Amino acid sequence: MNYLRQLLGLLSKKEKRKLLLVFFGVLVLGILELAGIGSIMPFLSVASKPEMIQTNVYLRRAYEIFGFQSPQSFLFALGVGALLFIIISNAMKVLVTYMNNRFTAMRLHHLSLRLFRRYLYRPYTFFLNKNSSELMKNILGEVGVFVDRVLMPLLDLATSIVITVLIIIMLVVIDPVLALLAFMVIGTIYGIVYLTVRRHLDTLGRRQIESNRLRYKKVSEAFGGIKDVKVLGREDYFLKDFVPPSIENAKIQVTSSLIGTIPRNVLEVVAFGGILLVVLYMMHTMGNFRDAVPVVGLYAFAAYRLVPRLQKIFVDLARLRTNLPVAE
């Protein structure tokens, strides 16, 4: 929460209002995603057991209100309805992505401008003790890093969390024991991995800031004294000085990216094994596979939607931990 307050403190009141609008779009997206997943279960229920139209109160009421003449036409309508929900939720996903990208891109402009203005209006004595390359790095480099690797992951993280929580709530309502067991296992795996790498990510973030500062400094020194460099033939000296921080920066990028992808393979195994356990559990409680088809189908589709979201949550958390020193 301290980090979140720090990040929000960098935004003006007007920018915070725009951020609320973005979050409203995220909430609408989550509800549509939930409706798309939830609409699969009635379709699979009727497909596996057409008699459910008469035995289920809600299905029978919908069948009578809309005046369907046969189970086949009702099943077709359910399939079309499920497809429409999925199409609308994916269209909303595109719109929310656009809103996120536009918000972050404009923050790049405004934050760079605000920082540039703050520097320009500082007294002359301020510049006597400051390296101009570091100021340029902050305005043109670090603001870009902040927007791309802190603000954008934060918005993506909010989107993934909203959708994940809504899907989990739906699965808990359908079968509380099974849902809670599944997400305890997945949550434990993610928690162990994240807690293991958290400190390492903090260290990487600070090393990245320092290596980036040195890269800018070496380039600025070389071009700032280019006349002396050419007269004395010191090109190789500056190139050799540039190499260590540049290699360090590249290694940090590779390591932080690798850490972000660690849980994916583990999670795919857990998700696949989880679906098999769901099948066995439903067959045990319901007696036969046909009765289990709707719930198994729902869990399979929910897993298809959830696994990328859970992976995104971990990647965004990893990126945030690595790049929070930039915000400081």
C-alpha atoms as a PDB file:
ATOM      1  CA  MET A   1       0.000   0.000   0.000  1.00  0.00           C
ATOM      2  CA  ASN A   2       2.935   2.341   0.669  1.00  0.00           C
ATOM      3  CA  TYR A   3       4.213   1.745  -2.850  1.00  0.00           C
ATOM      4  CA  LEU A   4       0.719   2.297  -4.252  1.00  0.00           C
ATOM      5  CA  ARG A   5       0.350   5.611  -2.400  1.00  0.00           C
ATOM      6  CA  GLN A   6       3.774   6.621  -3.682  1.00  0.00           C
ATOM      7  CA  LEU A   7       2.791   5.836  -7.282  1.00  0.00           C
ATOM      8  CA  LEU A   8      -0.562   7.634  -7.032  1.00  0.00           C
ATOM      9  CA  GLY A   9       1.230  10.614  -5.492  1.00  0.00           C
ATOM     10  CA  LEU A  10       2.966  11.147  -8.831  1.00  0.00           C
ATOM     11  CA  LEU A  11      -0.409  11.761 -10.513  1.00  0.00           C
ATOM     12  CA  SER A  12      -2.389  15.004 -10.484  1.00  0.00           C
ATOM     13  CA  LYS A  13      -6.075  15.136  -9.417  1.00  0.00           C
ATOM     14  CA  LYS A  14      -7.162  15.215 -13.060  1.00  0.00           C
ATOM     15  CA  GLU A  15      -5.012  12.173 -13.834  1.00  0.00           C
ATOM     16  CA  LYS A  16      -6.471  10.295 -10.858  1.00  0.00           C
ATOM     17  CA  ARG A  17     -10.010  10.945 -12.192  1.00  0.00           C
ATOM     18  CA  LYS A  18      -8.954   9.511 -15.553  1.00  0.00           C
ATOM     19  CA  LEU A  19      -7.483   6.528 -13.738  1.00  0.00           C
ATOM     20  CA  LEU A  20     -10.865   5.896 -12.063  1.00  0.00           C
ATOM     21  CA  LEU A  21     -12.490   5.849 -15.518  1.00  0.00           C
ATOM     22  CA  VAL A  22      -9.952   3.247 -16.643  1.00  0.00           C
ATOM     23  CA  PHE A  23     -10.734   1.111 -13.572  1.00  0.00           C
ATOM     24  CA  PHE A  24     -14.466   1.375 -14.307  1.00  0.00           C
ATOM     25  CA  GLY A  25     -13.759  -0.052 -17.777  1.00  0.00           C
ATOM     26  CA  VAL A  26     -11.773  -2.850 -16.113  1.00  0.00           C
ATOM     27  CA  LEU A  27     -14.733  -3.693 -13.848  1.00  0.00           C
ATOM     28  CA  VAL A  28     -17.129  -3.840 -16.821  1.00  0.00           C
ATOM     29  CA  LEU A  29     -14.633  -6.103 -18.616  1.00  0.00           C
ATOM     30  CA  GLY A  30     -14.524  -8.411 -15.571  1.00  0.00           C
ATOM     31  CA  ILE A  31     -18.323  -8.700 -15.454  1.00  0.00           C
ATOM     32  CA  LEU A  32     -18.522  -9.475 -19.195  1.00  0.00           C
ATOM     33  CA  GLU A  33     -15.716 -12.043 -18.876  1.00  0.00           C
ATOM     34  CA  LEU A  34     -17.615 -13.660 -16.014  1.00  0.00           C
ATOM     35  CA  ALA A  35     -20.842 -13.747 -18.055  1.00  0.00           C
ATOM     36  CA  GLY A  36     -18.982 -15.334 -20.984  1.00  0.00           C
ATOM     37  CA  ILE A  37     -17.565 -18.113 -18.815  1.00  0.00           C
ATOM     38  CA  GLY A  38     -20.821 -18.617 -16.883  1.00  0.00           C
ATOM     39  CA  SER A  39     -22.854 -18.964 -20.097  1.00  0.00           C
ATOM     40  CA  ILE A  40     -20.905 -22.123 -20.985  1.00  0.00           C
ATOM     41  CA  MET A  41     -22.463 -24.166 -18.154  1.00  0.00           C
ATOM     42  CA  PRO A  42     -26.165 -23.908 -19.242  1.00  0.00           C
ATOM     43  CA  PHE A  43     -25.134 -24.775 -22.800  1.00  0.00           C
ATOM     44  CA  LEU A  44     -23.178 -27.866 -21.710  1.00  0.00           C
ATOM     45  CA  SER A  45     -25.937 -28.880 -19.266  1.00  0.00           C
ATOM     46  CA  VAL A  46     -28.612 -28.931 -21.986  1.00  0.00           C
ATOM     47  CA  ALA A  47     -26.209 -30.542 -24.503  1.00  0.00           C
ATOM     48  CA  SER A  48     -25.414 -33.430 -22.129  1.00  0.00           C
ATOM     49  CA  LYS A  49     -28.912 -33.735 -20.588  1.00  0.00           C
ATOM     50  CA  PRO A  50     -31.765 -32.209 -22.678  1.00  0.00           C
ATOM     51  CA  GLU A  51     -34.237 -33.163 -19.933  1.00  0.00           C
ATOM     52  CA  MET A  52     -32.717 -30.431 -17.757  1.00  0.00           C
ATOM     53  CA  ILE A  53     -34.861 -27.912 -19.676  1.00  0.00           C
ATOM     54  CA  GLN A  54     -37.820 -29.230 -17.703  1.00  0.00           C
ATOM     55  CA  THR A  55     -36.096 -30.123 -14.416  1.00  0.00           C
ATOM     56  CA  ASN A  56     -34.173 -26.844 -13.960  1.00  0.00           C
ATOM     57  CA  VAL A  57     -36.407 -23.923 -12.893  1.00  0.00           C
ATOM     58  CA  TYR A  58     -34.390 -21.203 -14.653  1.00  0.00           C
ATOM     59  CA  LEU A  59     -33.931 -23.129 -17.902  1.00  0.00           C
ATOM     60  CA  ARG A  60     -37.637 -24.052 -18.018  1.00  0.00           C
ATOM     61  CA  ARG A  61     -38.658 -20.427 -17.414  1.00  0.00           C
ATOM     62  CA  ALA A  62     -36.348 -19.159 -20.189  1.00  0.00           C
ATOM     63  CA  TYR A  63     -37.661 -21.899 -22.519  1.00  0.00           C
ATOM     64  CA  GLU A  64     -41.264 -20.827 -21.898  1.00  0.00           C
ATOM     65  CA  ILE A  65     -40.743 -17.032 -21.914  1.00  0.00           C
ATOM     66  CA  PHE A  66     -38.985 -17.005 -25.293  1.00  0.00           C
ATOM     67  CA  GLY A  67     -41.397 -19.556 -26.805  1.00  0.00           C
ATOM     68  CA  PHE A  68     -38.971 -22.226 -27.996  1.00  0.00           C
ATOM     69  CA  GLN A  69     -40.532 -25.149 -29.842  1.00  0.00           C
ATOM     70  CA  SER A  70     -37.815 -27.780 -29.356  1.00  0.00           C
ATOM     71  CA  PRO A  71     -34.792 -28.546 -27.148  1.00  0.00           C
ATOM     72  CA  GLN A  72     -32.564 -28.290 -30.244  1.00  0.00           C
ATOM     73  CA  SER A  73     -33.593 -24.687 -30.959  1.00  0.00           C
ATOM     74  CA  PHE A  74     -33.121 -23.821 -27.265  1.00  0.00           C
ATOM     75  CA  LEU A  75     -29.646 -25.402 -27.280  1.00  0.00           C
ATOM     76  CA  PHE A  76     -28.751 -23.433 -30.428  1.00  0.00           C
ATOM     77  CA  ALA A  77     -29.886 -20.197 -28.753  1.00  0.00           C
ATOM     78  CA  LEU A  78     -27.802 -20.978 -25.663  1.00  0.00           C
ATOM     79  CA  GLY A  79     -24.766 -21.609 -27.871  1.00  0.00           C
ATOM     80  CA  VAL A  80     -25.266 -18.343 -29.768  1.00  0.00           C
ATOM     81  CA  GLY A  81     -25.747 -16.489 -26.465  1.00  0.00           C
ATOM     82  CA  ALA A  82     -22.502 -17.913 -25.051  1.00  0.00           C
ATOM     83  CA  LEU A  83     -20.655 -16.974 -28.240  1.00  0.00           C
ATOM     84  CA  LEU A  84     -22.060 -13.414 -28.134  1.00  0.00           C
ATOM     85  CA  PHE A  85     -20.910 -12.956 -24.526  1.00  0.00           C
ATOM     86  CA  ILE A  86     -17.401 -14.128 -25.482  1.00  0.00           C
ATOM     87  CA  ILE A  87     -17.318 -11.806 -28.535  1.00  0.00           C
ATOM     88  CA  ILE A  88     -18.504  -8.808 -26.464  1.00  0.00           C
ATOM     89  CA  SER A  89     -16.004  -9.518 -23.660  1.00  0.00           C
ATOM     90  CA  ASN A  90     -13.135  -9.754 -26.167  1.00  0.00           C
ATOM     91  CA  ALA A  91     -14.247  -6.508 -27.831  1.00  0.00           C
ATOM     92  CA  MET A  92     -14.329  -4.877 -24.388  1.00  0.00           C
ATOM     93  CA  LYS A  93     -10.840  -6.263 -23.752  1.00  0.00           C
ATOM     94  CA  VAL A  94      -9.593  -4.388 -26.844  1.00  0.00           C
ATOM     95  CA  LEU A  95     -11.269  -1.182 -25.624  1.00  0.00           C
ATOM     96  CA  VAL A  96      -9.772  -1.501 -22.109  1.00  0.00           C
ATOM     97  CA  THR A  97      -6.335  -2.167 -23.622  1.00  0.00           C
ATOM     98  CA  TYR A  98      -6.699   1.024 -25.686  1.00  0.00           C
ATOM     99  CA  MET A  99      -7.758   2.990 -22.578  1.00  0.00           C
ATOM    100  CA  ASN A 100      -4.770   1.640 -20.618  1.00  0.00           C
ATOM    101  CA  ASN A 101      -2.313   2.387 -23.430  1.00  0.00           C
ATOM    102  CA  ARG A 102      -3.654   5.906 -23.993  1.00  0.00           C
ATOM    103  CA  PHE A 103      -3.586   6.696 -20.276  1.00  0.00           C
ATOM    104  CA  THR A 104       0.004   5.517 -19.847  1.00  0.00           C
ATOM    105  CA  ALA A 105       1.229   7.172 -23.074  1.00  0.00           C
ATOM    106  CA  MET A 106      -0.160  10.559 -21.999  1.00  0.00           C
ATOM    107  CA  ARG A 107       1.405  10.119 -18.551  1.00  0.00           C
ATOM    108  CA  LEU A 108       4.753   9.747 -20.314  1.00  0.00           C
ATOM    109  CA  HIS A 109       4.229  13.195 -21.867  1.00  0.00           C
ATOM    110  CA  HIS A 110       2.913  14.925 -18.734  1.00  0.00           C
ATOM    111  CA  LEU A 111       5.434  13.473 -16.278  1.00  0.00           C
ATOM    112  CA  SER A 112       8.362  14.315 -18.592  1.00  0.00           C
ATOM    113  CA  LEU A 113       7.027  17.853 -19.009  1.00  0.00           C
ATOM    114  CA  ARG A 114       6.476  18.343 -15.253  1.00  0.00           C
ATOM    115  CA  LEU A 115       9.960  17.071 -14.414  1.00  0.00           C
ATOM    116  CA  PHE A 116      11.536  19.221 -17.157  1.00  0.00           C
ATOM    117  CA  ARG A 117       9.693  22.283 -15.805  1.00  0.00           C
ATOM    118  CA  ARG A 118      10.804  21.553 -12.208  1.00  0.00           C
ATOM    119  CA  TYR A 119      14.432  21.324 -13.302  1.00  0.00           C
ATOM    120  CA  LEU A 120      14.346  24.450 -15.482  1.00  0.00           C
ATOM    121  CA  TYR A 121      12.938  26.597 -12.674  1.00  0.00           C
ATOM    122  CA  ARG A 122      15.566  25.480 -10.186  1.00  0.00           C
ATOM    123  CA  PRO A 123      18.199  28.142  -9.220  1.00  0.00           C
ATOM    124  CA  TYR A 124      21.516  28.154 -11.072  1.00  0.00           C
ATOM    125  CA  THR A 125      23.347  26.737  -8.016  1.00  0.00           C
ATOM    126  CA  PHE A 126      21.302  23.529  -8.378  1.00  0.00           C
ATOM    127  CA  PHE A 127      22.974  22.814 -11.728  1.00  0.00           C
ATOM    128  CA  LEU A 128      26.491  23.361 -10.393  1.00  0.00           C
ATOM    129  CA  ASN A 129      26.258  20.134  -8.377  1.00  0.00           C
ATOM    130  CA  LYS A 130      24.290  18.096 -10.909  1.00  0.00           C
ATOM    131  CA  ASN A 131      25.434  16.136 -13.946  1.00  0.00           C
ATOM    132  CA  SER A 132      23.348  17.170 -16.951  1.00  0.00           C
ATOM    133  CA  SER A 133      23.361  13.575 -18.251  1.00  0.00           C
ATOM    134  CA  GLU A 134      21.605  12.424 -15.065  1.00  0.00           C
ATOM    135  CA  LEU A 135      18.920  15.095 -15.446  1.00  0.00           C
ATOM    136  CA  MET A 136      18.406  14.129 -19.097  1.00  0.00           C
ATOM    137  CA  LYS A 137      18.261  10.467 -18.102  1.00  0.00           C
ATOM    138  CA  ASN A 138      15.492  11.224 -15.584  1.00  0.00           C
ATOM    139  CA  ILE A 139      13.406  13.262 -18.051  1.00  0.00           C
ATOM    140  CA  LEU A 140      13.855  11.171 -21.202  1.00  0.00           C
ATOM    141  CA  GLY A 141      14.818   7.742 -19.854  1.00  0.00           C
ATOM    142  CA  GLU A 142      13.551   7.041 -16.356  1.00  0.00           C
ATOM    143  CA  VAL A 143      10.082   8.526 -16.952  1.00  0.00           C
ATOM    144  CA  GLY A 144       9.745   6.128 -19.888  1.00  0.00           C
ATOM    145  CA  VAL A 145      10.870   3.218 -17.698  1.00  0.00           C
ATOM    146  CA  PHE A 146       8.398   4.294 -14.990  1.00  0.00           C
ATOM    147  CA  VAL A 147       5.471   4.418 -17.432  1.00  0.00           C
ATOM    148  CA  ASP A 148       6.379   1.223 -19.299  1.00  0.00           C
ATOM    149  CA  ARG A 149       7.507  -0.938 -16.374  1.00  0.00           C
ATOM    150  CA  VAL A 150       5.637   0.460 -13.371  1.00  0.00           C
ATOM    151  CA  LEU A 151       2.446   2.256 -14.424  1.00  0.00           C
ATOM    152  CA  MET A 152       1.486  -0.106 -17.271  1.00  0.00           C
ATOM    153  CA  PRO A 153       2.066  -3.295 -15.191  1.00  0.00           C
ATOM    154  CA  LEU A 154       0.046  -1.693 -12.372  1.00  0.00           C
ATOM    155  CA  LEU A 155      -2.955  -1.211 -14.687  1.00  0.00           C
ATOM    156  CA  ASP A 156      -2.539  -4.710 -16.148  1.00  0.00           C
ATOM    157  CA  LEU A 157      -2.268  -6.088 -12.616  1.00  0.00           C
ATOM    158  CA  ALA A 158      -5.539  -4.390 -11.602  1.00  0.00           C
ATOM    159  CA  THR A 159      -7.283  -5.825 -14.685  1.00  0.00           C
ATOM    160  CA  SER A 160      -6.024  -9.354 -14.033  1.00  0.00           C
ATOM    161  CA  ILE A 161      -6.893  -9.228 -10.319  1.00  0.00           C
ATOM    162  CA  VAL A 162     -10.476  -8.006 -10.958  1.00  0.00           C
ATOM    163  CA  ILE A 163     -11.138 -10.722 -13.552  1.00  0.00           C
ATOM    164  CA  THR A 164      -9.448 -13.438 -11.475  1.00  0.00           C
ATOM    165  CA  VAL A 165     -11.385 -12.564  -8.305  1.00  0.00           C
ATOM    166  CA  LEU A 166     -14.736 -12.519 -10.156  1.00  0.00           C
ATOM    167  CA  ILE A 167     -14.046 -15.914 -11.766  1.00  0.00           C
ATOM    168  CA  ILE A 168     -12.993 -17.368  -8.406  1.00  0.00           C
ATOM    169  CA  ILE A 169     -16.215 -16.069  -6.791  1.00  0.00           C
ATOM    170  CA  MET A 170     -18.265 -17.737  -9.529  1.00  0.00           C
ATOM    171  CA  LEU A 171     -16.454 -21.066  -9.097  1.00  0.00           C
ATOM    172  CA  VAL A 172     -16.861 -20.859  -5.306  1.00  0.00           C
ATOM    173  CA  VAL A 173     -20.622 -20.321  -5.704  1.00  0.00           C
ATOM    174  CA  ILE A 174     -20.870 -23.400  -7.947  1.00  0.00           C
ATOM    175  CA  ASP A 175     -18.738 -25.702  -5.767  1.00  0.00           C
ATOM    176  CA  PRO A 176     -17.088 -24.050  -2.714  1.00  0.00           C
ATOM    177  CA  VAL A 177     -14.969 -27.015  -1.581  1.00  0.00           C
ATOM    178  CA  LEU A 178     -13.527 -27.774  -5.012  1.00  0.00           C
ATOM    179  CA  ALA A 179     -12.870 -24.117  -5.870  1.00  0.00           C
ATOM    180  CA  LEU A 180     -11.201 -23.259  -2.565  1.00  0.00           C
ATOM    181  CA  LEU A 181      -9.014 -26.371  -2.727  1.00  0.00           C
ATOM    182  CA  ALA A 182      -7.919 -25.583  -6.292  1.00  0.00           C
ATOM    183  CA  PHE A 183      -7.046 -21.966  -5.576  1.00  0.00           C
ATOM    184  CA  MET A 184      -5.294 -22.788  -2.311  1.00  0.00           C
ATOM    185  CA  VAL A 185      -2.926 -25.028  -4.278  1.00  0.00           C
ATOM    186  CA  ILE A 186      -2.359 -22.445  -7.054  1.00  0.00           C
ATOM    187  CA  GLY A 187      -2.065 -19.566  -4.584  1.00  0.00           C
ATOM    188  CA  THR A 188       0.469 -21.481  -2.476  1.00  0.00           C
ATOM    189  CA  ILE A 189       2.648 -22.192  -5.534  1.00  0.00           C
ATOM    190  CA  TYR A 190       2.560 -18.553  -6.621  1.00  0.00           C
ATOM    191  CA  GLY A 191       3.151 -17.285  -3.095  1.00  0.00           C
ATOM    192  CA  ILE A 192       6.216 -19.493  -2.558  1.00  0.00           C
ATOM    193  CA  VAL A 193       7.772 -18.484  -5.886  1.00  0.00           C
ATOM    194  CA  TYR A 194       7.067 -14.770  -5.401  1.00  0.00           C
ATOM    195  CA  LEU A 195       8.340 -14.621  -1.819  1.00  0.00           C
ATOM    196  CA  THR A 196      11.475 -16.491  -2.916  1.00  0.00           C
ATOM    197  CA  VAL A 197      12.373 -14.005  -5.659  1.00  0.00           C
ATOM    198  CA  ARG A 198      11.029 -10.766  -4.098  1.00  0.00           C
ATOM    199  CA  ARG A 199      14.272  -9.603  -2.483  1.00  0.00           C
ATOM    200  CA  HIS A 200      16.218 -10.593  -5.574  1.00  0.00           C
ATOM    201  CA  LEU A 201      13.905  -8.401  -7.653  1.00  0.00           C
ATOM    202  CA  ASP A 202      14.479  -5.418  -5.335  1.00  0.00           C
ATOM    203  CA  THR A 203      18.244  -5.818  -5.725  1.00  0.00           C
ATOM    204  CA  LEU A 204      17.916  -6.112  -9.491  1.00  0.00           C
ATOM    205  CA  GLY A 205      15.907  -2.880  -9.586  1.00  0.00           C
ATOM    206  CA  ARG A 206      18.585  -0.883  -7.790  1.00  0.00           C
ATOM    207  CA  ARG A 207      21.359  -2.381  -9.910  1.00  0.00           C
ATOM    208  CA  GLN A 208      19.384  -1.485 -13.030  1.00  0.00           C
ATOM    209  CA  ILE A 209      19.048   2.160 -11.952  1.00  0.00           C
ATOM    210  CA  GLU A 210      22.800   2.419 -11.321  1.00  0.00           C
ATOM    211  CA  SER A 211      23.835   0.697 -14.568  1.00  0.00           C
ATOM    212  CA  ASN A 212      21.467   2.922 -16.552  1.00  0.00           C
ATOM    213  CA  ARG A 213      22.899   6.032 -14.865  1.00  0.00           C
ATOM    214  CA  LEU A 214      26.440   4.987 -15.772  1.00  0.00           C
ATOM    215  CA  ARG A 215      25.468   4.293 -19.404  1.00  0.00           C
ATOM    216  CA  TYR A 216      24.046   7.809 -19.789  1.00  0.00           C
ATOM    217  CA  LYS A 217      27.043   9.306 -17.979  1.00  0.00           C
ATOM    218  CA  LYS A 218      29.647   7.604 -20.208  1.00  0.00           C
ATOM    219  CA  VAL A 219      27.859   8.591 -23.423  1.00  0.00           C
ATOM    220  CA  SER A 220      27.364  12.168 -22.206  1.00  0.00           C
ATOM    221  CA  GLU A 221      31.025  12.525 -21.204  1.00  0.00           C
ATOM    222  CA  ALA A 222      32.198  11.217 -24.563  1.00  0.00           C
ATOM    223  CA  PHE A 223      29.997  13.494 -26.665  1.00  0.00           C
ATOM    224  CA  GLY A 224      30.375  16.450 -24.275  1.00  0.00           C
ATOM    225  CA  GLY A 225      34.140  16.468 -24.775  1.00  0.00           C
ATOM    226  CA  ILE A 226      34.183  15.144 -28.335  1.00  0.00           C
ATOM    227  CA  LYS A 227      36.860  17.658 -29.408  1.00  0.00           C
ATOM    228  CA  ASP A 228      39.338  16.332 -26.835  1.00  0.00           C
ATOM    229  CA  VAL A 229      38.327  12.737 -27.595  1.00  0.00           C
ATOM    230  CA  LYS A 230      39.159  13.169 -31.283  1.00  0.00           C
ATOM    231  CA  VAL A 231      42.386  15.153 -30.691  1.00  0.00           C
ATOM    232  CA  LEU A 232      43.749  12.652 -28.153  1.00  0.00           C
ATOM    233  CA  GLY A 233      42.311   9.581 -29.917  1.00  0.00           C
ATOM    234  CA  ARG A 234      40.503   8.336 -26.768  1.00  0.00           C
ATOM    235  CA  GLU A 235      37.551   6.634 -28.533  1.00  0.00           C
ATOM    236  CA  ASP A 236      38.520   3.175 -27.252  1.00  0.00           C
ATOM    237  CA  TYR A 237      38.810   4.462 -23.685  1.00  0.00           C
ATOM    238  CA  PHE A 238      35.178   5.653 -23.648  1.00  0.00           C
ATOM    239  CA  LEU A 239      33.942   2.527 -25.442  1.00  0.00           C
ATOM    240  CA  LYS A 240      35.624   0.315 -22.821  1.00  0.00           C
ATOM    241  CA  ASP A 241      34.051   2.401 -20.043  1.00  0.00           C
ATOM    242  CA  PHE A 242      30.601   2.025 -21.637  1.00  0.00           C
ATOM    243  CA  VAL A 243      30.743  -1.783 -21.975  1.00  0.00           C
ATOM    244  CA  PRO A 244      30.468  -2.920 -18.263  1.00  0.00           C
ATOM    245  CA  PRO A 245      27.302  -0.942 -17.323  1.00  0.00           C
ATOM    246  CA  SER A 246      25.725  -1.792 -20.696  1.00  0.00           C
ATOM    247  CA  ILE A 247      26.339  -5.531 -20.220  1.00  0.00           C
ATOM    248  CA  GLU A 248      25.115  -5.261 -16.606  1.00  0.00           C
ATOM    249  CA  ASN A 249      21.889  -3.609 -17.800  1.00  0.00           C
ATOM    250  CA  ALA A 250      21.329  -6.327 -20.422  1.00  0.00           C
ATOM    251  CA  LYS A 251      21.905  -9.133 -17.882  1.00  0.00           C
ATOM    252  CA  ILE A 252      19.410  -7.562 -15.472  1.00  0.00           C
ATOM    253  CA  GLN A 253      16.769  -7.389 -18.230  1.00  0.00           C
ATOM    254  CA  VAL A 254      17.279 -11.085 -19.031  1.00  0.00           C
ATOM    255  CA  THR A 255      17.151 -12.159 -15.366  1.00  0.00           C
ATOM    256  CA  SER A 256      14.013 -10.165 -14.508  1.00  0.00           C
ATOM    257  CA  SER A 257      12.244 -11.490 -17.645  1.00  0.00           C
ATOM    258  CA  LEU A 258      13.227 -15.066 -16.748  1.00  0.00           C
ATOM    259  CA  ILE A 259      11.940 -14.713 -13.182  1.00  0.00           C
ATOM    260  CA  GLY A 260       8.603 -13.497 -14.545  1.00  0.00           C
ATOM    261  CA  THR A 261       8.120 -16.666 -16.601  1.00  0.00           C
ATOM    262  CA  ILE A 262       9.116 -19.186 -13.891  1.00  0.00           C
ATOM    263  CA  PRO A 263       5.573 -20.098 -12.701  1.00  0.00           C
ATOM    264  CA  ARG A 264       4.095 -20.601 -16.179  1.00  0.00           C
ATOM    265  CA  ASN A 265       5.265 -24.189 -16.733  1.00  0.00           C
ATOM    266  CA  VAL A 266       4.447 -25.143 -13.150  1.00  0.00           C
ATOM    267  CA  LEU A 267       1.002 -23.576 -13.425  1.00  0.00           C
ATOM    268  CA  GLU A 268       0.205 -25.381 -16.691  1.00  0.00           C
ATOM    269  CA  VAL A 269       0.938 -28.720 -15.003  1.00  0.00           C
ATOM    270  CA  VAL A 270      -1.166 -27.735 -11.976  1.00  0.00           C
ATOM    271  CA  ALA A 271      -4.061 -26.538 -14.187  1.00  0.00           C
ATOM    272  CA  PHE A 272      -4.053 -29.734 -16.284  1.00  0.00           C
ATOM    273  CA  GLY A 273      -3.787 -31.934 -13.191  1.00  0.00           C
ATOM    274  CA  GLY A 274      -6.520 -29.866 -11.556  1.00  0.00           C
ATOM    275  CA  ILE A 275      -8.937 -30.507 -14.423  1.00  0.00           C
ATOM    276  CA  LEU A 276      -8.286 -34.262 -14.121  1.00  0.00           C
ATOM    277  CA  LEU A 277      -8.983 -34.050 -10.377  1.00  0.00           C
ATOM    278  CA  VAL A 278     -12.198 -32.131 -11.091  1.00  0.00           C
ATOM    279  CA  VAL A 279     -13.326 -34.906 -13.468  1.00  0.00           C
ATOM    280  CA  LEU A 280     -12.614 -37.598 -10.863  1.00  0.00           C
ATOM    281  CA  TYR A 281     -14.239 -35.574  -8.072  1.00  0.00           C
ATOM    282  CA  MET A 282     -17.410 -34.854 -10.089  1.00  0.00           C
ATOM    283  CA  MET A 283     -17.688 -38.484 -11.242  1.00  0.00           C
ATOM    284  CA  HIS A 284     -17.355 -39.575  -7.611  1.00  0.00           C
ATOM    285  CA  THR A 285     -20.008 -37.163  -6.305  1.00  0.00           C
ATOM    286  CA  MET A 286     -22.433 -37.385  -9.261  1.00  0.00           C
ATOM    287  CA  GLY A 287     -22.016 -41.034 -10.185  1.00  0.00           C
ATOM    288  CA  ASN A 288     -21.349 -40.703 -13.935  1.00  0.00           C
ATOM    289  CA  PHE A 289     -19.390 -38.578 -16.371  1.00  0.00           C
ATOM    290  CA  ARG A 290     -22.437 -37.222 -18.231  1.00  0.00           C
ATOM    291  CA  ASP A 291     -23.664 -35.423 -15.111  1.00  0.00           C
ATOM    292  CA  ALA A 292     -20.157 -34.036 -14.547  1.00  0.00           C
ATOM    293  CA  VAL A 293     -19.756 -32.608 -18.081  1.00  0.00           C
ATOM    294  CA  PRO A 294     -21.207 -29.094 -17.376  1.00  0.00           C
ATOM    295  CA  VAL A 295     -19.026 -28.468 -14.299  1.00  0.00           C
ATOM    296  CA  VAL A 296     -15.918 -29.993 -15.923  1.00  0.00           C
ATOM    297  CA  GLY A 297     -16.487 -27.863 -19.037  1.00  0.00           C
ATOM    298  CA  LEU A 298     -16.929 -24.752 -16.907  1.00  0.00           C
ATOM    299  CA  TYR A 299     -13.703 -25.440 -14.985  1.00  0.00           C
ATOM    300  CA  ALA A 300     -11.804 -26.185 -18.206  1.00  0.00           C
ATOM    301  CA  PHE A 301     -12.941 -22.907 -19.792  1.00  0.00           C
ATOM    302  CA  ALA A 302     -12.337 -21.006 -16.543  1.00  0.00           C
ATOM    303  CA  ALA A 303      -8.806 -22.473 -16.391  1.00  0.00           C
ATOM    304  CA  TYR A 304      -8.267 -21.423 -20.021  1.00  0.00           C
ATOM    305  CA  ARG A 305      -9.147 -17.840 -19.025  1.00  0.00           C
ATOM    306  CA  LEU A 306      -7.475 -17.894 -15.597  1.00  0.00           C
ATOM    307  CA  VAL A 307      -4.033 -19.357 -16.331  1.00  0.00           C
ATOM    308  CA  PRO A 308      -2.907 -16.438 -18.571  1.00  0.00           C
ATOM    309  CA  ARG A 309      -4.320 -13.962 -16.010  1.00  0.00           C
ATOM    310  CA  LEU A 310      -2.479 -15.614 -13.115  1.00  0.00           C
ATOM    311  CA  GLN A 311       0.707 -15.673 -15.173  1.00  0.00           C
ATOM    312  CA  LYS A 312       0.197 -11.973 -15.993  1.00  0.00           C
ATOM    313  CA  ILE A 313      -0.257 -11.165 -12.294  1.00  0.00           C
ATOM    314  CA  PHE A 314       3.091 -12.761 -11.465  1.00  0.00           C
ATOM    315  CA  VAL A 315       4.913 -11.108 -14.392  1.00  0.00           C
ATOM    316  CA  ASP A 316       3.464  -7.684 -13.517  1.00  0.00           C
ATOM    317  CA  LEU A 317       4.379  -8.102  -9.838  1.00  0.00           C
ATOM    318  CA  ALA A 318       7.915  -9.085 -10.843  1.00  0.00           C
ATOM    319  CA  ARG A 319       8.222  -6.046 -13.146  1.00  0.00           C
ATOM    320  CA  LEU A 320       6.859  -3.752 -10.437  1.00  0.00           C
ATOM    321  CA  ARG A 321       9.291  -5.047  -7.806  1.00  0.00           C
ATOM    322  CA  THR A 322      12.220  -4.661 -10.188  1.00  0.00           C
ATOM    323  CA  ASN A 323      11.332  -1.121 -11.288  1.00  0.00           C
ATOM    324  CA  LEU A 324       9.894   0.480  -8.123  1.00  0.00           C
ATOM    325  CA  PRO A 325      13.281   2.186  -7.447  1.00  0.00           C
ATOM    326  CA  VAL A 326      12.598   4.232 -10.594  1.00  0.00           C
ATOM    327  CA  ALA A 327       9.453   5.640  -8.941  1.00  0.00           C
ATOM    328  CA  GLU A 328      11.481   6.561  -5.861  1.00  0.00           C
END
